[in-house]
């Protein structure tokens, strides 16, 4: 109604001015009949009001549509009456909807082709990396070790690119099943053994073998890899230990990765999960991309896991993943044992 009144105020003002001018003309001409004047004014106002009411009723759907924000594209396909203006507006909305869908489909196809290319390229790059590892496996000199370090870095970078590309099709690329946290943590630690040795930072595993959670093992392994890589990077030269632990938290299980490194400044903590944000530590460590914790947050969100972070400068950082447990709680196990 407010939009209708704003739209019609010019017509109402013009009508009132016209009526006043008409009355003045008759008065100046010397013709004055009060009853006739009142009747003429009444008829004019009646027909003008009737016109306004009819116009509002026939275009009410349009004014309601224009007054409310669009919540879905399907709303653009709805009809708004049989009036000429309503049909014209419906045709305009449908044309906009058609053009938008065409552009959206073109963009989706382009993005799909790009994602497919990236995935194929990453898989192709894995072959030469594996060959380089085989060529260097019997070499123990410092040069070979430096090459292995760079190859490992390339491998981690390619894995990150691959998982970023898969993130758009996450719903088609995950399977929720019971995952043993101890087995998963041991496998991830074994994959990163050269990283630990090279940086002289060694893992401490405190994960009960009975802890099993509802998750996707592949994606959860990638998350743990990201957390361990960050923990080692920011502990090297300051601490020689990284702790991976799991414990009960209500009806859930918390998986923690704790380092005792440089920590994160308080002003950066609220932004560490934003993409490409590296903060103050990123200036000290040029290797930081700002994508690690962002991917952790995104993946855990899609797996319905909670992510928490605690950090203090000079003391270290704890990143905690909270997941639904599929094992009896600690209280239930104690009750069963008794």
C-alpha atoms as a PDB file:
ATOM      1  CA  UNK A   1       0.000   0.000   0.000  1.00  0.00           C
ATOM      2  CA  UNK A   2       2.829   2.420   0.838  1.00  0.00           C
ATOM      3  CA  UNK A   3       4.414   1.869  -2.574  1.00  0.00           C
ATOM      4  CA  UNK A   4       1.039   2.434  -4.268  1.00  0.00           C
ATOM      5  CA  UNK A   5       0.514   5.731  -2.432  1.00  0.00           C
ATOM      6  CA  UNK A   6       4.023   6.897  -3.310  1.00  0.00           C
ATOM      7  CA  UNK A   7       3.367   5.944  -6.931  1.00  0.00           C
ATOM      8  CA  UNK A   8       0.004   7.759  -7.173  1.00  0.00           C
ATOM      9  CA  UNK A   9       0.694  10.947  -5.212  1.00  0.00           C
ATOM     10  CA  UNK A  10       1.489  12.889  -8.396  1.00  0.00           C
ATOM     11  CA  UNK A  11      -1.867  11.887  -9.931  1.00  0.00           C
ATOM     12  CA  UNK A  12      -3.738  12.904  -6.757  1.00  0.00           C
ATOM     13  CA  UNK A  13      -1.941  16.249  -6.573  1.00  0.00           C
ATOM     14  CA  UNK A  14      -2.582  16.954 -10.267  1.00  0.00           C
ATOM     15  CA  UNK A  15      -6.283  16.057  -9.859  1.00  0.00           C
ATOM     16  CA  UNK A  16      -6.736  18.379  -6.864  1.00  0.00           C
ATOM     17  CA  UNK A  17      -5.012  21.277  -8.642  1.00  0.00           C
ATOM     18  CA  UNK A  18      -7.184  20.721 -11.723  1.00  0.00           C
ATOM     19  CA  UNK A  19     -10.362  20.677  -9.651  1.00  0.00           C
ATOM     20  CA  UNK A  20      -9.424  23.877  -7.794  1.00  0.00           C
ATOM     21  CA  UNK A  21      -8.624  25.638 -11.065  1.00  0.00           C
ATOM     22  CA  UNK A  22     -11.994  24.564 -12.491  1.00  0.00           C
ATOM     23  CA  UNK A  23     -13.832  25.989  -9.490  1.00  0.00           C
ATOM     24  CA  UNK A  24     -11.883  29.257  -9.762  1.00  0.00           C
ATOM     25  CA  UNK A  25     -12.760  29.585 -13.432  1.00  0.00           C
ATOM     26  CA  UNK A  26     -16.463  29.238 -12.709  1.00  0.00           C
ATOM     27  CA  UNK A  27     -16.219  31.682  -9.788  1.00  0.00           C
ATOM     28  CA  UNK A  28     -14.315  34.324 -11.780  1.00  0.00           C
ATOM     29  CA  UNK A  29     -16.860  33.999 -14.596  1.00  0.00           C
ATOM     30  CA  UNK A  30     -19.586  35.015 -12.139  1.00  0.00           C
ATOM     31  CA  UNK A  31     -21.309  31.677 -12.067  1.00  0.00           C
ATOM     32  CA  UNK A  32     -21.775  30.502  -8.489  1.00  0.00           C
ATOM     33  CA  UNK A  33     -24.143  27.776  -7.410  1.00  0.00           C
ATOM     34  CA  UNK A  34     -23.038  26.336  -4.108  1.00  0.00           C
ATOM     35  CA  UNK A  35     -25.127  23.156  -4.285  1.00  0.00           C
ATOM     36  CA  UNK A  36     -24.028  22.427  -7.835  1.00  0.00           C
ATOM     37  CA  UNK A  37     -20.393  23.106  -6.971  1.00  0.00           C
ATOM     38  CA  UNK A  38     -20.527  20.713  -3.999  1.00  0.00           C
ATOM     39  CA  UNK A  39     -22.191  18.055  -6.129  1.00  0.00           C
ATOM     40  CA  UNK A  40     -19.575  18.426  -8.874  1.00  0.00           C
ATOM     41  CA  UNK A  41     -16.748  18.169  -6.355  1.00  0.00           C
ATOM     42  CA  UNK A  42     -18.364  15.096  -4.800  1.00  0.00           C
ATOM     43  CA  UNK A  43     -18.740  13.366  -8.170  1.00  0.00           C
ATOM     44  CA  UNK A  44     -15.153  14.193  -9.141  1.00  0.00           C
ATOM     45  CA  UNK A  45     -13.777  12.864  -5.856  1.00  0.00           C
ATOM     46  CA  UNK A  46     -15.992   9.774  -6.059  1.00  0.00           C
ATOM     47  CA  UNK A  47     -14.873   8.787  -9.548  1.00  0.00           C
ATOM     48  CA  UNK A  48     -11.216   9.617  -8.776  1.00  0.00           C
ATOM     49  CA  UNK A  49     -11.384   7.515  -5.613  1.00  0.00           C
ATOM     50  CA  UNK A  50     -13.076   4.680  -7.491  1.00  0.00           C
ATOM     51  CA  UNK A  51     -10.346   4.828 -10.115  1.00  0.00           C
ATOM     52  CA  UNK A  52      -7.646   4.668  -7.408  1.00  0.00           C
ATOM     53  CA  UNK A  53      -9.340   1.692  -5.696  1.00  0.00           C
ATOM     54  CA  UNK A  54      -9.758  -0.232  -8.954  1.00  0.00           C
ATOM     55  CA  UNK A  55      -6.184   0.499  -9.980  1.00  0.00           C
ATOM     56  CA  UNK A  56      -4.874  -0.688  -6.618  1.00  0.00           C
ATOM     57  CA  UNK A  57      -6.909  -3.898  -6.723  1.00  0.00           C
ATOM     58  CA  UNK A  58      -5.838  -4.754 -10.279  1.00  0.00           C
ATOM     59  CA  UNK A  59      -2.145  -4.004  -9.570  1.00  0.00           C
ATOM     60  CA  UNK A  60      -1.962  -5.086  -5.933  1.00  0.00           C
ATOM     61  CA  UNK A  61       0.149  -8.154  -6.758  1.00  0.00           C
ATOM     62  CA  UNK A  62       2.690  -5.942  -8.530  1.00  0.00           C
ATOM     63  CA  UNK A  63       3.021  -3.537  -5.622  1.00  0.00           C
ATOM     64  CA  UNK A  64       3.354  -6.412  -3.154  1.00  0.00           C
ATOM     65  CA  UNK A  65       6.026  -8.050  -5.317  1.00  0.00           C
ATOM     66  CA  UNK A  66       7.993  -4.804  -5.640  1.00  0.00           C
ATOM     67  CA  UNK A  67       7.676  -4.055  -1.907  1.00  0.00           C
ATOM     68  CA  UNK A  68       9.157  -7.387  -0.751  1.00  0.00           C
ATOM     69  CA  UNK A  69      12.700  -8.654  -1.408  1.00  0.00           C
ATOM     70  CA  UNK A  70      13.149 -11.604  -3.769  1.00  0.00           C
ATOM     71  CA  UNK A  71      13.959 -14.732  -1.739  1.00  0.00           C
ATOM     72  CA  UNK A  72      14.193 -17.207  -4.627  1.00  0.00           C
ATOM     73  CA  UNK A  73      14.518 -17.044  -8.391  1.00  0.00           C
ATOM     74  CA  UNK A  74      11.326 -19.080  -8.791  1.00  0.00           C
ATOM     75  CA  UNK A  75       9.366 -16.066  -7.535  1.00  0.00           C
ATOM     76  CA  UNK A  76      10.218 -14.322 -10.808  1.00  0.00           C
ATOM     77  CA  UNK A  77       8.151 -16.909 -12.702  1.00  0.00           C
ATOM     78  CA  UNK A  78       4.940 -16.160 -10.798  1.00  0.00           C
ATOM     79  CA  UNK A  79       2.111 -14.264 -12.521  1.00  0.00           C
ATOM     80  CA  UNK A  80       0.797 -10.957 -11.167  1.00  0.00           C
ATOM     81  CA  UNK A  81      -2.639 -10.594 -12.735  1.00  0.00           C
ATOM     82  CA  UNK A  82      -4.186 -10.019 -16.158  1.00  0.00           C
ATOM     83  CA  UNK A  83      -3.790  -6.237 -16.384  1.00  0.00           C
ATOM     84  CA  UNK A  84      -1.600  -4.950 -19.216  1.00  0.00           C
ATOM     85  CA  UNK A  85       1.057  -3.664 -16.817  1.00  0.00           C
ATOM     86  CA  UNK A  86       1.006  -6.967 -14.904  1.00  0.00           C
ATOM     87  CA  UNK A  87       1.485  -9.019 -18.066  1.00  0.00           C
ATOM     88  CA  UNK A  88       4.310  -6.747 -19.209  1.00  0.00           C
ATOM     89  CA  UNK A  89       6.016  -7.074 -15.821  1.00  0.00           C
ATOM     90  CA  UNK A  90       5.610 -10.880 -15.904  1.00  0.00           C
ATOM     91  CA  UNK A  91       7.206 -11.027 -19.342  1.00  0.00           C
ATOM     92  CA  UNK A  92      10.087  -8.829 -18.162  1.00  0.00           C
ATOM     93  CA  UNK A  93      10.682 -10.997 -15.085  1.00  0.00           C
ATOM     94  CA  UNK A  94      10.589 -14.176 -17.178  1.00  0.00           C
ATOM     95  CA  UNK A  95      13.088 -12.744 -19.639  1.00  0.00           C
ATOM     96  CA  UNK A  96      15.425 -11.750 -16.793  1.00  0.00           C
ATOM     97  CA  UNK A  97      15.014 -15.207 -15.273  1.00  0.00           C
ATOM     98  CA  UNK A  98      15.828 -16.870 -18.602  1.00  0.00           C
ATOM     99  CA  UNK A  99      18.925 -14.722 -19.184  1.00  0.00           C
ATOM    100  CA  UNK A 100      20.138 -15.312 -15.629  1.00  0.00           C
ATOM    101  CA  UNK A 101      19.694 -19.088 -15.914  1.00  0.00           C
ATOM    102  CA  UNK A 102      21.557 -19.134 -19.223  1.00  0.00           C
ATOM    103  CA  UNK A 103      24.475 -17.189 -17.752  1.00  0.00           C
ATOM    104  CA  UNK A 104      24.435 -19.340 -14.615  1.00  0.00           C
ATOM    105  CA  UNK A 105      24.522 -22.562 -16.624  1.00  0.00           C
ATOM    106  CA  UNK A 106      27.344 -21.214 -18.781  1.00  0.00           C
ATOM    107  CA  UNK A 107      29.316 -20.289 -15.668  1.00  0.00           C
ATOM    108  CA  UNK A 108      28.622 -23.689 -14.061  1.00  0.00           C
ATOM    109  CA  UNK A 109      29.821 -25.509 -17.175  1.00  0.00           C
ATOM    110  CA  UNK A 110      32.933 -23.368 -17.303  1.00  0.00           C
ATOM    111  CA  UNK A 111      33.617 -23.938 -13.606  1.00  0.00           C
ATOM    112  CA  UNK A 112      33.017 -27.687 -14.005  1.00  0.00           C
ATOM    113  CA  UNK A 113      35.473 -27.868 -16.896  1.00  0.00           C
ATOM    114  CA  UNK A 114      38.041 -25.897 -14.903  1.00  0.00           C
ATOM    115  CA  UNK A 115      37.620 -28.140 -11.853  1.00  0.00           C
ATOM    116  CA  UNK A 116      37.981 -31.266 -13.995  1.00  0.00           C
ATOM    117  CA  UNK A 117      41.146 -29.871 -15.570  1.00  0.00           C
ATOM    118  CA  UNK A 118      42.647 -29.036 -12.173  1.00  0.00           C
ATOM    119  CA  UNK A 119      41.910 -32.507 -10.832  1.00  0.00           C
ATOM    120  CA  UNK A 120      43.410 -34.192 -13.877  1.00  0.00           C
ATOM    121  CA  UNK A 121      46.457 -31.947 -13.737  1.00  0.00           C
ATOM    122  CA  UNK A 122      47.049 -32.672 -10.050  1.00  0.00           C
ATOM    123  CA  UNK A 123      46.806 -36.424 -10.665  1.00  0.00           C
ATOM    124  CA  UNK A 124      49.253 -36.114 -13.561  1.00  0.00           C
ATOM    125  CA  UNK A 125      51.722 -34.244 -11.354  1.00  0.00           C
ATOM    126  CA  UNK A 126      51.611 -37.017  -8.759  1.00  0.00           C
ATOM    127  CA  UNK A 127      53.360 -39.392 -11.171  1.00  0.00           C
ATOM    128  CA  UNK A 128      56.614 -37.397 -11.551  1.00  0.00           C
ATOM    129  CA  UNK A 129      56.607 -36.715  -7.804  1.00  0.00           C
ATOM    130  CA  UNK A 130      56.418 -40.443  -7.101  1.00  0.00           C
ATOM    131  CA  UNK A 131      59.243 -41.058  -9.600  1.00  0.00           C
ATOM    132  CA  UNK A 132      61.418 -38.431  -7.897  1.00  0.00           C
ATOM    133  CA  UNK A 133      60.790 -40.081  -4.531  1.00  0.00           C
ATOM    134  CA  UNK A 134      61.841 -43.449  -5.951  1.00  0.00           C
ATOM    135  CA  UNK A 135      64.992 -41.971  -7.443  1.00  0.00           C
ATOM    136  CA  UNK A 136      65.941 -40.389  -4.113  1.00  0.00           C
ATOM    137  CA  UNK A 137      65.011 -43.206  -1.740  1.00  0.00           C
ATOM    138  CA  UNK A 138      68.579 -44.602  -1.623  1.00  0.00           C
ATOM    139  CA  UNK A 139      70.260 -41.212  -1.507  1.00  0.00           C
ATOM    140  CA  UNK A 140      71.334 -39.901   1.900  1.00  0.00           C
ATOM    141  CA  UNK A 141      73.362 -36.801   1.049  1.00  0.00           C
ATOM    142  CA  UNK A 142      72.153 -33.296   2.045  1.00  0.00           C
ATOM    143  CA  UNK A 143      71.282 -32.375  -1.542  1.00  0.00           C
ATOM    144  CA  UNK A 144      68.927 -35.340  -1.863  1.00  0.00           C
ATOM    145  CA  UNK A 145      67.332 -34.457   1.465  1.00  0.00           C
ATOM    146  CA  UNK A 146      66.742 -30.877   0.280  1.00  0.00           C
ATOM    147  CA  UNK A 147      65.146 -32.168  -2.909  1.00  0.00           C
ATOM    148  CA  UNK A 148      62.926 -34.501  -0.871  1.00  0.00           C
ATOM    149  CA  UNK A 149      61.854 -31.570   1.282  1.00  0.00           C
ATOM    150  CA  UNK A 150      60.862 -29.517  -1.745  1.00  0.00           C
ATOM    151  CA  UNK A 151      59.069 -32.476  -3.316  1.00  0.00           C
ATOM    152  CA  UNK A 152      57.087 -32.990  -0.107  1.00  0.00           C
ATOM    153  CA  UNK A 153      56.166 -29.339  -0.164  1.00  0.00           C
ATOM    154  CA  UNK A 154      54.971 -29.620  -3.756  1.00  0.00           C
ATOM    155  CA  UNK A 155      52.984 -32.726  -2.855  1.00  0.00           C
ATOM    156  CA  UNK A 156      51.219 -30.944   0.018  1.00  0.00           C
ATOM    157  CA  UNK A 157      50.469 -28.001  -2.226  1.00  0.00           C
ATOM    158  CA  UNK A 158      48.982 -30.245  -4.895  1.00  0.00           C
ATOM    159  CA  UNK A 159      46.842 -32.006  -2.298  1.00  0.00           C
ATOM    160  CA  UNK A 160      45.528 -28.642  -1.115  1.00  0.00           C
ATOM    161  CA  UNK A 161      44.683 -27.607  -4.684  1.00  0.00           C
ATOM    162  CA  UNK A 162      42.936 -30.930  -5.263  1.00  0.00           C
ATOM    163  CA  UNK A 163      40.787 -30.653  -2.161  1.00  0.00           C
ATOM    164  CA  UNK A 164      39.888 -27.041  -2.922  1.00  0.00           C
ATOM    165  CA  UNK A 165      38.709 -28.158  -6.357  1.00  0.00           C
ATOM    166  CA  UNK A 166      36.683 -30.996  -4.835  1.00  0.00           C
ATOM    167  CA  UNK A 167      35.053 -28.706  -2.298  1.00  0.00           C
ATOM    168  CA  UNK A 168      32.493 -27.474  -4.849  1.00  0.00           C
ATOM    169  CA  UNK A 169      31.294 -31.063  -5.315  1.00  0.00           C
ATOM    170  CA  UNK A 170      31.593 -32.031  -1.689  1.00  0.00           C
ATOM    171  CA  UNK A 171      28.114 -33.570  -1.512  1.00  0.00           C
ATOM    172  CA  UNK A 172      29.094 -36.049  -4.243  1.00  0.00           C
ATOM    173  CA  UNK A 173      32.479 -36.916  -2.754  1.00  0.00           C
ATOM    174  CA  UNK A 174      32.004 -37.952   0.864  1.00  0.00           C
ATOM    175  CA  UNK A 175      30.766 -40.986   2.754  1.00  0.00           C
ATOM    176  CA  UNK A 176      29.840 -40.738   6.427  1.00  0.00           C
ATOM    177  CA  UNK A 177      30.842 -43.875   8.300  1.00  0.00           C
ATOM    178  CA  UNK A 178      32.397 -44.874  11.637  1.00  0.00           C
ATOM    179  CA  UNK A 179      36.037 -43.752  11.691  1.00  0.00           C
ATOM    180  CA  UNK A 180      38.614 -44.898  14.242  1.00  0.00           C
ATOM    181  CA  UNK A 181      40.410 -41.790  15.465  1.00  0.00           C
ATOM    182  CA  UNK A 182      43.451 -43.730  16.636  1.00  0.00           C
ATOM    183  CA  UNK A 183      43.913 -45.468  13.294  1.00  0.00           C
ATOM    184  CA  UNK A 184      43.337 -42.238  11.400  1.00  0.00           C
ATOM    185  CA  UNK A 185      45.803 -40.295  13.557  1.00  0.00           C
ATOM    186  CA  UNK A 186      48.474 -42.995  13.242  1.00  0.00           C
ATOM    187  CA  UNK A 187      48.162 -43.019   9.447  1.00  0.00           C
ATOM    188  CA  UNK A 188      48.400 -39.229   9.218  1.00  0.00           C
ATOM    189  CA  UNK A 189      51.398 -39.142  11.558  1.00  0.00           C
ATOM    190  CA  UNK A 190      53.122 -41.817   9.467  1.00  0.00           C
ATOM    191  CA  UNK A 191      52.540 -39.788   6.290  1.00  0.00           C
ATOM    192  CA  UNK A 192      54.221 -36.774   7.895  1.00  0.00           C
ATOM    193  CA  UNK A 193      57.182 -38.533   9.509  1.00  0.00           C
ATOM    194  CA  UNK A 194      59.729 -36.791   7.271  1.00  0.00           C
ATOM    195  CA  UNK A 195      58.118 -33.439   8.124  1.00  0.00           C
ATOM    196  CA  UNK A 196      58.551 -34.168  11.859  1.00  0.00           C
ATOM    197  CA  UNK A 197      62.145 -35.342  11.489  1.00  0.00           C
ATOM    198  CA  UNK A 198      63.156 -32.471   9.224  1.00  0.00           C
ATOM    199  CA  UNK A 199      61.801 -29.844  11.635  1.00  0.00           C
ATOM    200  CA  UNK A 200      62.820 -31.782  14.780  1.00  0.00           C
ATOM    201  CA  UNK A 201      59.263 -31.607  16.062  1.00  0.00           C
ATOM    202  CA  UNK A 202      57.876 -34.954  17.200  1.00  0.00           C
ATOM    203  CA  UNK A 203      54.256 -36.038  17.723  1.00  0.00           C
ATOM    204  CA  UNK A 204      52.739 -37.244  20.969  1.00  0.00           C
ATOM    205  CA  UNK A 205      49.646 -39.392  20.382  1.00  0.00           C
ATOM    206  CA  UNK A 206      47.010 -39.576  23.110  1.00  0.00           C
ATOM    207  CA  UNK A 207      44.041 -41.133  21.359  1.00  0.00           C
ATOM    208  CA  UNK A 208      42.085 -44.012  22.871  1.00  0.00           C
ATOM    209  CA  UNK A 209      41.709 -46.912  20.443  1.00  0.00           C
ATOM    210  CA  UNK A 210      37.998 -47.163  21.224  1.00  0.00           C
ATOM    211  CA  UNK A 211      37.119 -43.691  19.976  1.00  0.00           C
ATOM    212  CA  UNK A 212      35.121 -43.860  16.749  1.00  0.00           C
ATOM    213  CA  UNK A 213      33.237 -40.973  15.184  1.00  0.00           C
ATOM    214  CA  UNK A 214      30.741 -40.360  12.400  1.00  0.00           C
ATOM    215  CA  UNK A 215      32.783 -38.753   9.629  1.00  0.00           C
ATOM    216  CA  UNK A 216      34.466 -39.196   6.258  1.00  0.00           C
ATOM    217  CA  UNK A 217      37.939 -40.665   6.688  1.00  0.00           C
ATOM    218  CA  UNK A 218      39.455 -39.072   3.580  1.00  0.00           C
ATOM    219  CA  UNK A 219      38.290 -35.543   4.355  1.00  0.00           C
ATOM    220  CA  UNK A 220      39.044 -35.869   8.060  1.00  0.00           C
ATOM    221  CA  UNK A 221      42.569 -37.074   7.227  1.00  0.00           C
ATOM    222  CA  UNK A 222      43.090 -33.983   5.100  1.00  0.00           C
ATOM    223  CA  UNK A 223      41.876 -31.768   7.964  1.00  0.00           C
ATOM    224  CA  UNK A 224      44.280 -33.434  10.415  1.00  0.00           C
ATOM    225  CA  UNK A 225      47.095 -33.090   7.872  1.00  0.00           C
ATOM    226  CA  UNK A 226      46.455 -29.358   7.629  1.00  0.00           C
ATOM    227  CA  UNK A 227      46.442 -28.950  11.406  1.00  0.00           C
ATOM    228  CA  UNK A 228      49.659 -30.948  11.851  1.00  0.00           C
ATOM    229  CA  UNK A 229      51.415 -29.043   9.072  1.00  0.00           C
ATOM    230  CA  UNK A 230      50.520 -25.740  10.738  1.00  0.00           C
ATOM    231  CA  UNK A 231      51.518 -27.060  14.168  1.00  0.00           C
ATOM    232  CA  UNK A 232      54.942 -28.176  12.940  1.00  0.00           C
ATOM    233  CA  UNK A 233      55.558 -25.011  10.931  1.00  0.00           C
ATOM    234  CA  UNK A 234      54.892 -22.702  13.873  1.00  0.00           C
ATOM    235  CA  UNK A 235      56.694 -24.911  16.415  1.00  0.00           C
ATOM    236  CA  UNK A 236      59.978 -25.446  14.565  1.00  0.00           C
ATOM    237  CA  UNK A 237      62.845 -23.786  16.407  1.00  0.00           C
ATOM    238  CA  UNK A 238      60.773 -23.096  19.523  1.00  0.00           C
ATOM    239  CA  UNK A 239      59.363 -26.439  20.639  1.00  0.00           C
ATOM    240  CA  UNK A 240      60.006 -30.066  19.752  1.00  0.00           C
ATOM    241  CA  UNK A 241      56.586 -31.515  20.508  1.00  0.00           C
ATOM    242  CA  UNK A 242      53.098 -31.592  18.995  1.00  0.00           C
ATOM    243  CA  UNK A 243      50.269 -33.373  20.814  1.00  0.00           C
ATOM    244  CA  UNK A 244      47.319 -35.110  19.216  1.00  0.00           C
ATOM    245  CA  UNK A 245      44.673 -36.137  21.731  1.00  0.00           C
ATOM    246  CA  UNK A 246      41.045 -37.224  21.837  1.00  0.00           C
ATOM    247  CA  UNK A 247      38.656 -37.152  24.758  1.00  0.00           C
ATOM    248  CA  UNK A 248      34.971 -37.266  25.584  1.00  0.00           C
ATOM    249  CA  UNK A 249      32.950 -34.085  25.510  1.00  0.00           C
ATOM    250  CA  UNK A 250      29.366 -34.772  26.483  1.00  0.00           C
ATOM    251  CA  UNK A 251      27.923 -37.017  23.811  1.00  0.00           C
ATOM    252  CA  UNK A 252      30.680 -36.032  21.394  1.00  0.00           C
ATOM    253  CA  UNK A 253      34.407 -36.614  20.956  1.00  0.00           C
ATOM    254  CA  UNK A 254      36.938 -33.797  20.715  1.00  0.00           C
ATOM    255  CA  UNK A 255      40.067 -34.323  18.617  1.00  0.00           C
ATOM    256  CA  UNK A 256      42.776 -31.796  19.476  1.00  0.00           C
ATOM    257  CA  UNK A 257      46.032 -30.810  17.845  1.00  0.00           C
ATOM    258  CA  UNK A 258      48.164 -28.793  20.238  1.00  0.00           C
ATOM    259  CA  UNK A 259      51.481 -27.163  19.515  1.00  0.00           C
ATOM    260  CA  UNK A 260      53.768 -25.225  21.828  1.00  0.00           C
ATOM    261  CA  UNK A 261      55.035 -22.765  19.279  1.00  0.00           C
ATOM    262  CA  UNK A 262      54.756 -19.063  18.638  1.00  0.00           C
ATOM    263  CA  UNK A 263      50.955 -18.817  19.021  1.00  0.00           C
ATOM    264  CA  UNK A 264      48.561 -16.450  17.288  1.00  0.00           C
ATOM    265  CA  UNK A 265      48.116 -12.768  18.254  1.00  0.00           C
ATOM    266  CA  UNK A 266      44.719 -12.062  19.813  1.00  0.00           C
ATOM    267  CA  UNK A 267      43.757  -9.568  17.116  1.00  0.00           C
ATOM    268  CA  UNK A 268      44.234 -12.261  14.443  1.00  0.00           C
ATOM    269  CA  UNK A 269      42.324 -15.119  16.097  1.00  0.00           C
ATOM    270  CA  UNK A 270      38.870 -13.999  14.947  1.00  0.00           C
ATOM    271  CA  UNK A 271      40.067 -13.863  11.321  1.00  0.00           C
ATOM    272  CA  UNK A 272      42.228 -16.991  10.997  1.00  0.00           C
ATOM    273  CA  UNK A 273      39.389 -18.961   9.376  1.00  0.00           C
ATOM    274  CA  UNK A 274      38.959 -16.399   6.598  1.00  0.00           C
ATOM    275  CA  UNK A 275      40.416 -17.377   3.205  1.00  0.00           C
ATOM    276  CA  UNK A 276      43.854 -15.984   2.358  1.00  0.00           C
ATOM    277  CA  UNK A 277      44.256 -14.321   5.756  1.00  0.00           C
ATOM    278  CA  UNK A 278      47.805 -14.868   7.048  1.00  0.00           C
ATOM    279  CA  UNK A 279      48.002 -12.207   9.747  1.00  0.00           C
ATOM    280  CA  UNK A 280      51.110 -11.257  11.648  1.00  0.00           C
ATOM    281  CA  UNK A 281      52.585 -14.765  11.527  1.00  0.00           C
ATOM    282  CA  UNK A 282      52.215 -14.805   7.753  1.00  0.00           C
ATOM    283  CA  UNK A 283      54.810 -12.039   7.535  1.00  0.00           C
ATOM    284  CA  UNK A 284      57.270 -14.176   9.475  1.00  0.00           C
ATOM    285  CA  UNK A 285      56.529 -17.341   7.505  1.00  0.00           C
ATOM    286  CA  UNK A 286      56.256 -16.567   3.771  1.00  0.00           C
ATOM    287  CA  UNK A 287      55.024 -20.121   3.092  1.00  0.00           C
ATOM    288  CA  UNK A 288      51.691 -19.305   4.727  1.00  0.00           C
ATOM    289  CA  UNK A 289      48.841 -19.162   2.212  1.00  0.00           C
ATOM    290  CA  UNK A 290      45.961 -18.427   4.593  1.00  0.00           C
ATOM    291  CA  UNK A 291      43.998 -21.367   3.172  1.00  0.00           C
ATOM    292  CA  UNK A 292      44.748 -24.122   5.707  1.00  0.00           C
ATOM    293  CA  UNK A 293      42.404 -23.129   8.522  1.00  0.00           C
ATOM    294  CA  UNK A 294      39.843 -21.859   6.030  1.00  0.00           C
ATOM    295  CA  UNK A 295      39.663 -25.337   4.472  1.00  0.00           C
ATOM    296  CA  UNK A 296      39.515 -26.919   7.920  1.00  0.00           C
ATOM    297  CA  UNK A 297      36.531 -24.736   8.812  1.00  0.00           C
ATOM    298  CA  UNK A 298      34.767 -25.345   5.500  1.00  0.00           C
ATOM    299  CA  UNK A 299      35.239 -29.112   5.507  1.00  0.00           C
ATOM    300  CA  UNK A 300      34.259 -29.512   9.159  1.00  0.00           C
ATOM    301  CA  UNK A 301      31.184 -27.390   8.582  1.00  0.00           C
ATOM    302  CA  UNK A 302      30.065 -29.646   5.745  1.00  0.00           C
ATOM    303  CA  UNK A 303      30.770 -32.735   7.849  1.00  0.00           C
ATOM    304  CA  UNK A 304      28.737 -31.190  10.683  1.00  0.00           C
ATOM    305  CA  UNK A 305      31.795 -31.028  12.960  1.00  0.00           C
ATOM    306  CA  UNK A 306      32.537 -28.120  15.274  1.00  0.00           C
ATOM    307  CA  UNK A 307      35.876 -26.286  15.135  1.00  0.00           C
ATOM    308  CA  UNK A 308      37.385 -24.361  18.039  1.00  0.00           C
ATOM    309  CA  UNK A 309      40.696 -22.553  18.361  1.00  0.00           C
ATOM    310  CA  UNK A 310      42.589 -21.340  21.397  1.00  0.00           C
ATOM    311  CA  UNK A 311      45.937 -19.618  21.228  1.00  0.00           C
ATOM    312  CA  UNK A 312      48.313 -17.480  23.232  1.00  0.00           C
ATOM    313  CA  UNK A 313      51.389 -15.746  21.898  1.00  0.00           C
ATOM    314  CA  UNK A 314      54.528 -17.562  22.991  1.00  0.00           C
ATOM    315  CA  UNK A 315      52.579 -20.487  24.476  1.00  0.00           C
ATOM    316  CA  UNK A 316      51.143 -22.267  21.454  1.00  0.00           C
ATOM    317  CA  UNK A 317      47.846 -23.083  19.774  1.00  0.00           C
ATOM    318  CA  UNK A 318      45.099 -25.660  20.211  1.00  0.00           C
ATOM    319  CA  UNK A 319      42.701 -26.484  17.394  1.00  0.00           C
ATOM    320  CA  UNK A 320      39.819 -28.702  18.440  1.00  0.00           C
ATOM    321  CA  UNK A 321      37.417 -30.660  16.225  1.00  0.00           C
ATOM    322  CA  UNK A 322      34.205 -31.774  17.936  1.00  0.00           C
ATOM    323  CA  UNK A 323      32.473 -34.794  16.345  1.00  0.00           C
ATOM    324  CA  UNK A 324      29.591 -37.135  17.078  1.00  0.00           C
ATOM    325  CA  UNK A 325      30.805 -40.294  18.817  1.00  0.00           C
ATOM    326  CA  UNK A 326      29.677 -43.779  17.828  1.00  0.00           C
ATOM    327  CA  UNK A 327      31.058 -45.492  20.941  1.00  0.00           C
ATOM    328  CA  UNK A 328      29.626 -45.671  24.462  1.00  0.00           C
ATOM    329  CA  UNK A 329      30.366 -42.653  26.618  1.00  0.00           C
ATOM    330  CA  UNK A 330      32.936 -42.893  29.390  1.00  0.00           C
ATOM    331  CA  UNK A 331      30.209 -43.113  32.037  1.00  0.00           C
ATOM    332  CA  UNK A 332      28.497 -45.946  30.162  1.00  0.00           C
ATOM    333  CA  UNK A 333      31.762 -47.875  29.827  1.00  0.00           C
ATOM    334  CA  UNK A 334      32.498 -47.519  33.544  1.00  0.00           C
ATOM    335  CA  UNK A 335      28.962 -48.636  34.337  1.00  0.00           C
ATOM    336  CA  UNK A 336      29.321 -51.658  32.069  1.00  0.00           C
ATOM    337  CA  UNK A 337      32.683 -52.603  33.603  1.00  0.00           C
ATOM    338  CA  UNK A 338      31.252 -52.427  37.133  1.00  0.00           C
END
